[in-house]
C-alpha cells in the first residue's frame, strides 16, 4: 500500500470506508489511523476478525 505524505497539514475531507473486517481490512485501518486518518469499517459479522 502506497500512501503519500503531504507537506501541508490539511484536515481530512474525503471519507475513507473500509469494506470488510478481515485481516486486510484491519491492517488497512491500522495504517490509516497511524497516518491520522479515521476510517469507517463496515463488516457484516458481529466481530471484525474472521481469522
N, C-alpha and C. Protein backbone atom coordinates (compact mmCIF):
# COMPACT_ATOMS: atom_id res chain seq x y z
N UNK A 1 0.85 -1.16 0.00
CA UNK A 1 0.00 0.00 0.00
C UNK A 1 0.90 1.23 0.00
N UNK A 2 0.64 2.14 -0.91
CA UNK A 2 1.44 3.35 -1.02
C UNK A 2 0.58 4.54 -0.67
N UNK A 3 0.97 5.25 0.38
CA UNK A 3 0.27 6.46 0.78
C UNK A 3 1.30 7.58 0.82
N UNK A 4 1.04 8.63 0.08
CA UNK A 4 1.96 9.75 0.06
C UNK A 4 1.66 10.68 1.21
N UNK A 5 2.71 11.15 1.86
CA UNK A 5 2.54 12.12 2.93
C UNK A 5 2.62 13.52 2.32
N UNK A 6 1.70 14.35 2.72
CA UNK A 6 1.67 15.71 2.20
C UNK A 6 2.40 16.64 3.17
N UNK A 7 3.10 17.60 2.63
CA UNK A 7 3.87 18.51 3.47
C UNK A 7 2.97 19.51 4.19
N UNK A 8 1.84 19.87 3.58
CA UNK A 8 0.94 20.79 4.26
C UNK A 8 -0.04 20.00 5.12
N UNK A 9 -0.46 20.58 6.21
CA UNK A 9 -1.34 19.86 7.14
C UNK A 9 -2.79 20.30 6.92
N UNK A 10 -3.48 19.59 6.06
CA UNK A 10 -4.89 19.84 5.81
C UNK A 10 -5.70 18.79 6.54
N UNK A 11 -6.91 19.17 6.92
CA UNK A 11 -7.79 18.19 7.54
C UNK A 11 -8.34 17.25 6.49
N UNK A 12 -8.63 16.05 6.91
CA UNK A 12 -9.19 15.05 6.00
C UNK A 12 -10.60 15.49 5.61
N UNK A 13 -10.86 15.56 4.31
CA UNK A 13 -12.18 15.95 3.85
C UNK A 13 -12.89 14.81 3.13
N UNK A 14 -12.15 13.86 2.62
CA UNK A 14 -12.74 12.73 1.92
C UNK A 14 -12.89 11.57 2.89
N UNK A 15 -14.11 11.05 3.07
CA UNK A 15 -14.28 9.93 3.99
C UNK A 15 -13.63 8.65 3.44
N UNK A 16 -13.08 7.86 4.34
CA UNK A 16 -12.47 6.59 3.96
C UNK A 16 -13.31 5.47 4.55
N UNK A 17 -13.80 4.59 3.69
CA UNK A 17 -14.62 3.47 4.13
C UNK A 17 -13.89 2.18 3.78
N UNK A 18 -13.73 1.31 4.76
CA UNK A 18 -13.13 0.00 4.54
C UNK A 18 -14.25 -1.01 4.59
N UNK A 19 -14.40 -1.77 3.53
CA UNK A 19 -15.46 -2.78 3.47
C UNK A 19 -14.83 -4.13 3.76
N UNK A 20 -15.19 -4.69 4.89
CA UNK A 20 -14.68 -5.99 5.30
C UNK A 20 -13.70 -5.86 6.45
N UNK A 21 -13.96 -6.62 7.49
CA UNK A 21 -13.11 -6.56 8.68
C UNK A 21 -12.21 -7.77 8.83
N UNK A 22 -11.79 -8.33 7.71
CA UNK A 22 -10.82 -9.42 7.76
C UNK A 22 -9.43 -8.87 8.02
N UNK A 23 -8.44 -9.70 7.83
CA UNK A 23 -7.07 -9.30 8.13
C UNK A 23 -6.62 -8.11 7.27
N UNK A 24 -6.99 -8.10 6.00
CA UNK A 24 -6.59 -6.99 5.12
C UNK A 24 -7.27 -5.69 5.53
N UNK A 25 -8.56 -5.77 5.87
CA UNK A 25 -9.27 -4.58 6.31
C UNK A 25 -8.71 -4.02 7.60
N UNK A 26 -8.38 -4.91 8.54
CA UNK A 26 -7.80 -4.46 9.81
C UNK A 26 -6.44 -3.82 9.62
N UNK A 27 -5.60 -4.42 8.78
CA UNK A 27 -4.28 -3.86 8.52
C UNK A 27 -4.40 -2.50 7.84
N UNK A 28 -5.31 -2.40 6.89
CA UNK A 28 -5.55 -1.13 6.21
C UNK A 28 -5.97 -0.06 7.22
N UNK A 29 -6.88 -0.42 8.12
CA UNK A 29 -7.34 0.53 9.14
C UNK A 29 -6.20 0.99 10.03
N UNK A 30 -5.34 0.07 10.43
CA UNK A 30 -4.19 0.42 11.28
C UNK A 30 -3.28 1.41 10.57
N UNK A 31 -2.97 1.16 9.30
CA UNK A 31 -2.10 2.05 8.55
C UNK A 31 -2.71 3.44 8.41
N UNK A 32 -4.00 3.50 8.17
CA UNK A 32 -4.66 4.80 8.03
C UNK A 32 -4.67 5.57 9.35
N UNK A 33 -4.97 4.88 10.45
CA UNK A 33 -5.00 5.53 11.76
C UNK A 33 -3.62 6.04 12.14
N UNK A 34 -2.58 5.28 11.81
CA UNK A 34 -1.21 5.73 12.08
C UNK A 34 -0.88 7.03 11.34
N UNK A 35 -1.58 7.27 10.24
CA UNK A 35 -1.35 8.48 9.45
C UNK A 35 -2.35 9.59 9.78
N UNK A 36 -3.14 9.38 10.82
CA UNK A 36 -4.07 10.39 11.27
C UNK A 36 -5.40 10.42 10.53
N UNK A 37 -5.70 9.34 9.80
CA UNK A 37 -6.95 9.25 9.06
C UNK A 37 -7.88 8.30 9.80
N UNK A 38 -9.12 8.73 10.01
CA UNK A 38 -10.09 7.91 10.74
C UNK A 38 -11.03 7.22 9.75
N UNK A 39 -10.80 5.94 9.48
CA UNK A 39 -11.67 5.22 8.53
C UNK A 39 -12.93 4.71 9.20
N UNK A 40 -13.92 4.44 8.39
CA UNK A 40 -15.14 3.76 8.83
C UNK A 40 -15.08 2.35 8.27
N UNK A 41 -15.14 1.35 9.16
CA UNK A 41 -15.07 -0.04 8.71
C UNK A 41 -16.46 -0.64 8.74
N UNK A 42 -16.84 -1.25 7.63
CA UNK A 42 -18.13 -1.93 7.52
C UNK A 42 -17.89 -3.44 7.48
N UNK A 43 -18.57 -4.15 8.37
CA UNK A 43 -18.41 -5.59 8.47
C UNK A 43 -19.78 -6.21 8.73
N UNK A 44 -20.10 -7.28 8.03
CA UNK A 44 -21.39 -7.93 8.18
C UNK A 44 -21.48 -8.78 9.45
N UNK A 45 -20.36 -9.29 9.90
CA UNK A 45 -20.34 -10.16 11.08
C UNK A 45 -20.27 -9.32 12.36
N UNK A 46 -20.64 -9.92 13.50
CA UNK A 46 -20.56 -9.19 14.77
C UNK A 46 -19.13 -8.83 15.19
N UNK A 47 -18.17 -9.64 14.74
CA UNK A 47 -16.76 -9.36 15.07
C UNK A 47 -15.99 -9.05 13.79
N UNK A 48 -14.92 -8.29 13.94
CA UNK A 48 -14.16 -7.86 12.77
C UNK A 48 -12.88 -8.67 12.56
N UNK A 49 -12.79 -9.85 13.12
CA UNK A 49 -11.59 -10.67 12.93
C UNK A 49 -11.99 -12.10 12.63
N UNK A 50 -12.17 -12.41 11.38
CA UNK A 50 -12.66 -13.74 10.99
C UNK A 50 -11.56 -14.79 10.90
N UNK A 51 -10.41 -14.51 11.50
CA UNK A 51 -9.31 -15.46 11.42
C UNK A 51 -9.25 -16.33 12.65
